[in-house]
Amino acid sequence: MAKLAGAASSAEDIPIAAATQADFLRTALLNWLPRFVECCQQARPRFDVYPALAALLLGFVRADVAFLEDVGGSAAVS
């Protein structure tokens, strides 16, 4: 993601850069992260910090994708 964001910083077409980053998050994280959070919730560790952190991460990634999709609009990712 840092590489994509760094490359996008010099790009003049911000919507395409945002759409590219949103696509990366969907394909690299959101295809497995919800299941991971579910497994963390079911594991019942001694302390609830890890399931809470996993859920927080999922919420953050989903919010980031929503923001990037908003910025990207209908930009096509090649």
PDB file of N, CA and C in Angstrom:
ATOM      1  N   MET A   1       0.824  -1.171   0.000  1.00  0.00           N
ATOM      2  CA  MET A   1       0.000   0.000   0.000  1.00  0.00           C
ATOM      3  C   MET A   1       0.874   1.242   0.000  1.00  0.00           C
ATOM      4  N   ALA A   2       1.964   1.198   0.748  1.00  0.00           N
ATOM      5  CA  ALA A   2       2.868   2.352   0.769  1.00  0.00           C
ATOM      6  C   ALA A   2       3.448   2.612  -0.613  1.00  0.00           C
ATOM      7  N   LYS A   3       3.756   1.546  -1.333  1.00  0.00           N
ATOM      8  CA  LYS A   3       4.293   1.695  -2.687  1.00  0.00           C
ATOM      9  C   LYS A   3       3.244   2.327  -3.607  1.00  0.00           C
ATOM     10  N   LEU A   4       1.993   1.874  -3.497  1.00  0.00           N
ATOM     11  CA  LEU A   4       0.925   2.448  -4.307  1.00  0.00           C
ATOM     12  C   LEU A   4       0.687   3.916  -3.955  1.00  0.00           C
ATOM     13  N   ALA A   5       0.675   4.205  -2.662  1.00  0.00           N
ATOM     14  CA  ALA A   5       0.449   5.589  -2.232  1.00  0.00           C
ATOM     15  C   ALA A   5       1.605   6.486  -2.665  1.00  0.00           C
ATOM     16  N   GLY A   6       2.827   5.974  -2.587  1.00  0.00           N
ATOM     17  CA  GLY A   6       3.980   6.752  -3.023  1.00  0.00           C
ATOM     18  C   GLY A   6       3.943   7.025  -4.507  1.00  0.00           C
ATOM     19  N   ALA A   7       3.571   6.025  -5.281  1.00  0.00           N
ATOM     20  CA  ALA A   7       3.460   6.206  -6.728  1.00  0.00           C
ATOM     21  C   ALA A   7       2.317   7.157  -7.061  1.00  0.00           C
ATOM     22  N   ALA A   8       1.270   7.108  -6.259  1.00  0.00           N
ATOM     23  CA  ALA A   8       0.115   7.962  -6.511  1.00  0.00           C
ATOM     24  C   ALA A   8       0.393   9.417  -6.158  1.00  0.00           C
ATOM     25  N   SER A   9       1.380   9.646  -5.285  1.00  0.00           N
ATOM     26  CA  SER A   9       1.647  11.026  -4.877  1.00  0.00           C
ATOM     27  C   SER A   9       2.158  11.872  -6.033  1.00  0.00           C
ATOM     28  N   SER A  10       2.759  11.222  -7.022  1.00  0.00           N
ATOM     29  CA  SER A  10       3.230  11.974  -8.173  1.00  0.00           C
ATOM     30  C   SER A  10       2.240  11.909  -9.333  1.00  0.00           C
ATOM     31  N   ALA A  11       1.195  11.138  -9.177  1.00  0.00           N
ATOM     32  CA  ALA A  11       0.204  11.007 -10.242  1.00  0.00           C
ATOM     33  C   ALA A  11      -0.681  12.248 -10.282  1.00  0.00           C
ATOM     34  N   GLU A  12      -1.005  12.656 -11.478  1.00  0.00           N
ATOM     35  CA  GLU A  12      -1.883  13.823 -11.618  1.00  0.00           C
ATOM     36  C   GLU A  12      -3.350  13.439 -11.542  1.00  0.00           C
ATOM     37  N   ASP A  13      -3.663  12.173 -11.785  1.00  0.00           N
ATOM     38  CA  ASP A  13      -5.046  11.743 -11.768  1.00  0.00           C
ATOM     39  C   ASP A  13      -5.360  11.071 -10.435  1.00  0.00           C
ATOM     40  N   ILE A  14      -5.768  11.860  -9.483  1.00  0.00           N
ATOM     41  CA  ILE A  14      -6.044  11.384  -8.121  1.00  0.00           C
ATOM     42  C   ILE A  14      -7.146  10.321  -8.095  1.00  0.00           C
ATOM     43  N   PRO A  15      -8.237  10.466  -8.836  1.00  0.00           N
ATOM     44  CA  PRO A  15      -9.274   9.423  -8.797  1.00  0.00           C
ATOM     45  C   PRO A  15      -8.755   8.051  -9.213  1.00  0.00           C
ATOM     46  N   ILE A  16      -7.910   7.983 -10.214  1.00  0.00           N
ATOM     47  CA  ILE A  16      -7.370   6.683 -10.639  1.00  0.00           C
ATOM     48  C   ILE A  16      -6.448   6.117  -9.560  1.00  0.00           C
ATOM     49  N   ALA A  17      -5.642   6.977  -8.945  1.00  0.00           N
ATOM     50  CA  ALA A  17      -4.755   6.525  -7.870  1.00  0.00           C
ATOM     51  C   ALA A  17      -5.573   5.995  -6.697  1.00  0.00           C
ATOM     52  N   ALA A  18      -6.657   6.683  -6.331  1.00  0.00           N
ATOM     53  CA  ALA A  18      -7.515   6.235  -5.227  1.00  0.00           C
ATOM     54  C   ALA A  18      -8.192   4.920  -5.575  1.00  0.00           C
ATOM     55  N   ALA A  19      -8.660   4.779  -6.811  1.00  0.00           N
ATOM     56  CA  ALA A  19      -9.314   3.538  -7.230  1.00  0.00           C
ATOM     57  C   ALA A  19      -8.322   2.377  -7.202  1.00  0.00           C
ATOM     58  N   THR A  20      -7.084   2.629  -7.580  1.00  0.00           N
ATOM     59  CA  THR A  20      -6.056   1.588  -7.545  1.00  0.00           C
ATOM     60  C   THR A  20      -5.796   1.128  -6.115  1.00  0.00           C
ATOM     61  N   GLN A  21      -5.731   2.072  -5.189  1.00  0.00           N
ATOM     62  CA  GLN A  21      -5.498   1.715  -3.790  1.00  0.00           C
ATOM     63  C   GLN A  21      -6.697   0.959  -3.216  1.00  0.00           C
ATOM     64  N   ALA A  22      -7.906   1.375  -3.558  1.00  0.00           N
ATOM     65  CA  ALA A  22      -9.102   0.675  -3.073  1.00  0.00           C
ATOM     66  C   ALA A  22      -9.144  -0.749  -3.617  1.00  0.00           C
ATOM     67  N   ASP A  23      -8.780  -0.913  -4.886  1.00  0.00           N
ATOM     68  CA  ASP A  23      -8.747  -2.252  -5.480  1.00  0.00           C
ATOM     69  C   ASP A  23      -7.730  -3.138  -4.761  1.00  0.00           C
ATOM     70  N   PHE A  24      -6.579  -2.569  -4.431  1.00  0.00           N
ATOM     71  CA  PHE A  24      -5.566  -3.334  -3.698  1.00  0.00           C
ATOM     72  C   PHE A  24      -6.109  -3.799  -2.349  1.00  0.00           C
ATOM     73  N   LEU A  25      -6.753  -2.905  -1.613  1.00  0.00           N
ATOM     74  CA  LEU A  25      -7.285  -3.276  -0.302  1.00  0.00           C
ATOM     75  C   LEU A  25      -8.345  -4.365  -0.420  1.00  0.00           C
ATOM     76  N   ARG A  26      -9.204  -4.238  -1.435  1.00  0.00           N
ATOM     77  CA  ARG A  26     -10.243  -5.267  -1.625  1.00  0.00           C
ATOM     78  C   ARG A  26      -9.630  -6.619  -1.947  1.00  0.00           C
ATOM     79  N   THR A  27      -8.629  -6.652  -2.815  1.00  0.00           N
ATOM     80  CA  THR A  27      -8.085  -7.940  -3.246  1.00  0.00           C
ATOM     81  C   THR A  27      -7.045  -8.503  -2.287  1.00  0.00           C
ATOM     82  N   ALA A  28      -6.286  -7.650  -1.624  1.00  0.00           N
ATOM     83  CA  ALA A  28      -5.208  -8.138  -0.756  1.00  0.00           C
ATOM     84  C   ALA A  28      -5.637  -8.343   0.697  1.00  0.00           C
ATOM     85  N   LEU A  29      -6.651  -7.629   1.151  1.00  0.00           N
ATOM     86  CA  LEU A  29      -7.048  -7.742   2.560  1.00  0.00           C
ATOM     87  C   LEU A  29      -8.493  -8.189   2.760  1.00  0.00           C
ATOM     88  N   LEU A  30      -9.409  -7.583   2.050  1.00  0.00           N
ATOM     89  CA  LEU A  30     -10.818  -7.850   2.343  1.00  0.00           C
ATOM     90  C   LEU A  30     -11.303  -9.206   1.844  1.00  0.00           C
ATOM     91  N   ASN A  31     -10.457  -9.942   1.126  1.00  0.00           N
ATOM     92  CA  ASN A  31     -10.879 -11.285   0.734  1.00  0.00           C
ATOM     93  C   ASN A  31     -10.629 -12.301   1.855  1.00  0.00           C
ATOM     94  N   TRP A  32      -9.831 -11.949   2.877  1.00  0.00           N
ATOM     95  CA  TRP A  32      -9.587 -12.876   3.989  1.00  0.00           C
ATOM     96  C   TRP A  32      -9.761 -12.244   5.373  1.00  0.00           C
ATOM     97  N   LEU A  33      -9.684 -10.952   5.473  1.00  0.00           N
ATOM     98  CA  LEU A  33      -9.727 -10.291   6.782  1.00  0.00           C
ATOM     99  C   LEU A  33     -11.041 -10.505   7.542  1.00  0.00           C
ATOM    100  N   PRO A  34     -12.209 -10.443   6.905  1.00  0.00           N
ATOM    101  CA  PRO A  34     -13.442 -10.697   7.665  1.00  0.00           C
ATOM    102  C   PRO A  34     -13.464 -12.088   8.312  1.00  0.00           C
ATOM    103  N   ARG A  35     -12.981 -13.088   7.602  1.00  0.00           N
ATOM    104  CA  ARG A  35     -12.944 -14.445   8.168  1.00  0.00           C
ATOM    105  C   ARG A  35     -11.952 -14.519   9.324  1.00  0.00           C
ATOM    106  N   PHE A  36     -10.815 -13.830   9.194  1.00  0.00           N
ATOM    107  CA  PHE A  36      -9.825 -13.784  10.265  1.00  0.00           C
ATOM    108  C   PHE A  36     -10.430 -13.175  11.531  1.00  0.00           C
ATOM    109  N   VAL A  37     -11.164 -12.082  11.377  1.00  0.00           N
ATOM    110  CA  VAL A  37     -11.809 -11.432  12.528  1.00  0.00           C
ATOM    111  C   VAL A  37     -12.818 -12.380  13.157  1.00  0.00           C
ATOM    112  N   GLU A  38     -13.562 -13.080  12.327  1.00  0.00           N
ATOM    113  CA  GLU A  38     -14.533 -14.047  12.836  1.00  0.00           C
ATOM    114  C   GLU A  38     -13.837 -15.136  13.659  1.00  0.00           C
ATOM    115  N   CYS A  39     -12.719 -15.641  13.153  1.00  0.00           N
ATOM    116  CA  CYS A  39     -11.962 -16.665  13.883  1.00  0.00           C
ATOM    117  C   CYS A  39     -11.405 -16.115  15.195  1.00  0.00           C
ATOM    118  N   CYS A  40     -10.956 -14.876  15.178  1.00  0.00           N
ATOM    119  CA  CYS A  40     -10.447 -14.250  16.409  1.00  0.00           C
ATOM    120  C   CYS A  40     -11.556 -14.125  17.449  1.00  0.00           C
ATOM    121  N   GLN A  41     -12.762 -13.801  16.997  1.00  0.00           N
ATOM    122  CA  GLN A  41     -13.891 -13.663  17.916  1.00  0.00           C
ATOM    123  C   GLN A  41     -14.263 -15.014  18.518  1.00  0.00           C
ATOM    124  N   GLN A  42     -14.138 -16.079  17.748  1.00  0.00           N
ATOM    125  CA  GLN A  42     -14.512 -17.411  18.219  1.00  0.00           C
ATOM    126  C   GLN A  42     -13.434 -18.058  19.081  1.00  0.00           C
ATOM    127  N   ALA A  43     -12.209 -17.572  18.988  1.00  0.00           N
ATOM    128  CA  ALA A  43     -11.089 -18.190  19.706  1.00  0.00           C
ATOM    129  C   ALA A  43     -11.199 -18.014  21.217  1.00  0.00           C
ATOM    130  N   ARG A  44     -11.850 -16.971  21.647  1.00  0.00           N
ATOM    131  CA  ARG A  44     -12.013 -16.699  23.085  1.00  0.00           C
ATOM    132  C   ARG A  44     -10.681 -16.703  23.833  1.00  0.00           C
ATOM    133  N   PRO A  45      -9.770 -15.817  23.471  1.00  0.00           N
ATOM    134  CA  PRO A  45      -8.495 -15.761  24.205  1.00  0.00           C
ATOM    135  C   PRO A  45      -8.724 -15.257  25.629  1.00  0.00           C
ATOM    136  N   ARG A  46      -7.701 -15.389  26.448  1.00  0.00           N
ATOM    137  CA  ARG A  46      -7.799 -14.965  27.848  1.00  0.00           C
ATOM    138  C   ARG A  46      -8.093 -13.473  27.950  1.00  0.00           C
ATOM    139  N   PHE A  47      -7.477 -12.698  27.067  1.00  0.00           N
ATOM    140  CA  PHE A  47      -7.718 -11.262  27.022  1.00  0.00           C
ATOM    141  C   PHE A  47      -8.370 -10.916  25.688  1.00  0.00           C
ATOM    142  N   ASP A  48      -9.263  -9.987  25.710  1.00  0.00           N
ATOM    143  CA  ASP A  48     -10.020  -9.639  24.506  1.00  0.00           C
ATOM    144  C   ASP A  48      -9.312  -8.647  23.598  1.00  0.00           C
ATOM    145  N   VAL A  49      -8.059  -8.337  23.875  1.00  0.00           N
ATOM    146  CA  VAL A  49      -7.387  -7.288  23.109  1.00  0.00           C
ATOM    147  C   VAL A  49      -7.198  -7.692  21.646  1.00  0.00           C
ATOM    148  N   TYR A  50      -6.833  -8.935  21.361  1.00  0.00           N
ATOM    149  CA  TYR A  50      -6.577  -9.339  19.976  1.00  0.00           C
ATOM    150  C   TYR A  50      -7.846  -9.394  19.126  1.00  0.00           C
ATOM    151  N   PRO A  51      -8.935  -9.971  19.622  1.00  0.00           N
ATOM    152  CA  PRO A  51     -10.170  -9.886  18.839  1.00  0.00           C
ATOM    153  C   PRO A  51     -10.624  -8.437  18.622  1.00  0.00           C
ATOM    154  N   ALA A  52     -10.432  -7.592  19.629  1.00  0.00           N
ATOM    155  CA  ALA A  52     -10.813  -6.190  19.483  1.00  0.00           C
ATOM    156  C   ALA A  52      -9.942  -5.482  18.458  1.00  0.00           C
ATOM    157  N   LEU A  53      -8.645  -5.748  18.477  1.00  0.00           N
ATOM    158  CA  LEU A  53      -7.745  -5.140  17.499  1.00  0.00           C
ATOM    159  C   LEU A  53      -8.052  -5.629  16.085  1.00  0.00           C
ATOM    160  N   ALA A  54      -8.373  -6.898  15.948  1.00  0.00           N
ATOM    161  CA  ALA A  54      -8.718  -7.434  14.634  1.00  0.00           C
ATOM    162  C   ALA A  54      -9.983  -6.765  14.106  1.00  0.00           C
ATOM    163  N   ALA A  55     -10.987  -6.609  14.956  1.00  0.00           N
ATOM    164  CA  ALA A  55     -12.227  -5.946  14.549  1.00  0.00           C
ATOM    165  C   ALA A  55     -11.978  -4.480  14.207  1.00  0.00           C
ATOM    166  N   LEU A  56     -11.125  -3.833  14.967  1.00  0.00           N
ATOM    167  CA  LEU A  56     -10.771  -2.446  14.680  1.00  0.00           C
ATOM    168  C   LEU A  56     -10.080  -2.338  13.330  1.00  0.00           C
ATOM    169  N   LEU A  57      -9.162  -3.252  13.047  1.00  0.00           N
ATOM    170  CA  LEU A  57      -8.475  -3.257  11.761  1.00  0.00           C
ATOM    171  C   LEU A  57      -9.468  -3.426  10.618  1.00  0.00           C
ATOM    172  N   LEU A  58     -10.393  -4.341  10.750  1.00  0.00           N
ATOM    173  CA  LEU A  58     -11.397  -4.552   9.705  1.00  0.00           C
ATOM    174  C   LEU A  58     -12.231  -3.290   9.494  1.00  0.00           C
ATOM    175  N   GLY A  59     -12.640  -2.663  10.569  1.00  0.00           N
ATOM    176  CA  GLY A  59     -13.399  -1.420  10.448  1.00  0.00           C
ATOM    177  C   GLY A  59     -12.601  -0.326   9.764  1.00  0.00           C
ATOM    178  N   PHE A  60     -11.327  -0.222  10.102  1.00  0.00           N
ATOM    179  CA  PHE A  60     -10.472   0.786   9.485  1.00  0.00           C
ATOM    180  C   PHE A  60     -10.297   0.525   7.989  1.00  0.00           C
ATOM    181  N   VAL A  61     -10.040  -0.725   7.623  1.00  0.00           N
ATOM    182  CA  VAL A  61      -9.833  -1.053   6.204  1.00  0.00           C
ATOM    183  C   VAL A  61     -11.114  -0.797   5.416  1.00  0.00           C
ATOM    184  N   ARG A  62     -12.246  -1.170   5.970  1.00  0.00           N
ATOM    185  CA  ARG A  62     -13.517  -0.908   5.277  1.00  0.00           C
ATOM    186  C   ARG A  62     -13.769   0.589   5.121  1.00  0.00           C
ATOM    187  N   ALA A  63     -13.469   1.362   6.157  1.00  0.00           N
ATOM    188  CA  ALA A  63     -13.636   2.818   6.065  1.00  0.00           C
ATOM    189  C   ALA A  63     -12.680   3.416   5.044  1.00  0.00           C
ATOM    190  N   ASP A  64     -11.463   2.901   4.998  1.00  0.00           N
ATOM    191  CA  ASP A  64     -10.480   3.391   4.037  1.00  0.00           C
ATOM    192  C   ASP A  64     -10.918   3.081   2.611  1.00  0.00           C
ATOM    193  N   VAL A  65     -11.422   1.878   2.384  1.00  0.00           N
ATOM    194  CA  VAL A  65     -11.914   1.517   1.055  1.00  0.00           C
ATOM    195  C   VAL A  65     -13.078   2.425   0.664  1.00  0.00           C
ATOM    196  N   ALA A  66     -13.992   2.668   1.583  1.00  0.00           N
ATOM    197  CA  ALA A  66     -15.135   3.540   1.290  1.00  0.00           C
ATOM    198  C   ALA A  66     -14.658   4.953   0.928  1.00  0.00           C
ATOM    199  N   PHE A  67     -13.683   5.462   1.670  1.00  0.00           N
ATOM    200  CA  PHE A  67     -13.134   6.782   1.368  1.00  0.00           C
ATOM    201  C   PHE A  67     -12.474   6.799  -0.006  1.00  0.00           C
ATOM    202  N   LEU A  68     -11.642   5.791  -0.272  1.00  0.00           N
ATOM    203  CA  LEU A  68     -10.938   5.737  -1.552  1.00  0.00           C
ATOM    204  C   LEU A  68     -11.911   5.569  -2.715  1.00  0.00           C
ATOM    205  N   GLU A  69     -12.969   4.795  -2.522  1.00  0.00           N
ATOM    206  CA  GLU A  69     -13.990   4.657  -3.574  1.00  0.00           C
ATOM    207  C   GLU A  69     -14.703   5.981  -3.801  1.00  0.00           C
ATOM    208  N   ASP A  70     -14.928   6.722  -2.732  1.00  0.00           N
ATOM    209  CA  ASP A  70     -15.559   8.029  -2.859  1.00  0.00           C
ATOM    210  C   ASP A  70     -14.663   8.983  -3.652  1.00  0.00           C
ATOM    211  N   VAL A  71     -13.382   8.986  -3.338  1.00  0.00           N
ATOM    212  CA  VAL A  71     -12.431   9.838  -4.042  1.00  0.00           C
ATOM    213  C   VAL A  71     -12.252   9.362  -5.481  1.00  0.00           C
ATOM    214  N   GLY A  72     -12.181   8.027  -5.640  1.00  0.00           N
ATOM    215  CA  GLY A  72     -11.964   7.455  -6.960  1.00  0.00           C
ATOM    216  C   GLY A  72     -13.157   7.568  -7.878  1.00  0.00           C
ATOM    217  N   GLY A  73     -14.343   7.656  -7.301  1.00  0.00           N
ATOM    218  CA  GLY A  73     -15.546   7.746  -8.122  1.00  0.00           C
ATOM    219  C   GLY A  73     -15.671   6.577  -9.059  1.00  0.00           C
ATOM    220  N   SER A  74     -15.828   6.858 -10.316  1.00  0.00           N
ATOM    221  CA  SER A  74     -15.989   5.799 -11.318  1.00  0.00           C
ATOM    222  C   SER A  74     -14.710   5.579 -12.112  1.00  0.00           C
ATOM    223  N   ALA A  75     -13.557   5.936 -11.534  1.00  0.00           N
ATOM    224  CA  ALA A  75     -12.282   5.743 -12.222  1.00  0.00           C
ATOM    225  C   ALA A  75     -12.020   4.261 -12.437  1.00  0.00           C
ATOM    226  N   ALA A  76     -11.582   3.951 -13.615  1.00  0.00           N
ATOM    227  CA  ALA A  76     -11.278   2.549 -13.951  1.00  0.00           C
ATOM    228  C   ALA A  76      -9.865   2.208 -13.534  1.00  0.00           C
ATOM    229  N   VAL A  77      -9.702   0.998 -13.002  1.00  0.00           N
ATOM    230  CA  VAL A  77      -8.378   0.511 -12.616  1.00  0.00           C
ATOM    231  C   VAL A  77      -7.916  -0.438 -13.700  1.00  0.00           C
ATOM    232  N   SER A  78      -6.735  -0.181 -14.241  1.00  0.00           N
ATOM    233  CA  SER A  78      -6.222  -1.062 -15.306  1.00  0.00           C
ATOM    234  C   SER A  78      -5.326  -2.135 -14.770  1.00  0.00           C
TER     235      SER A  78
END
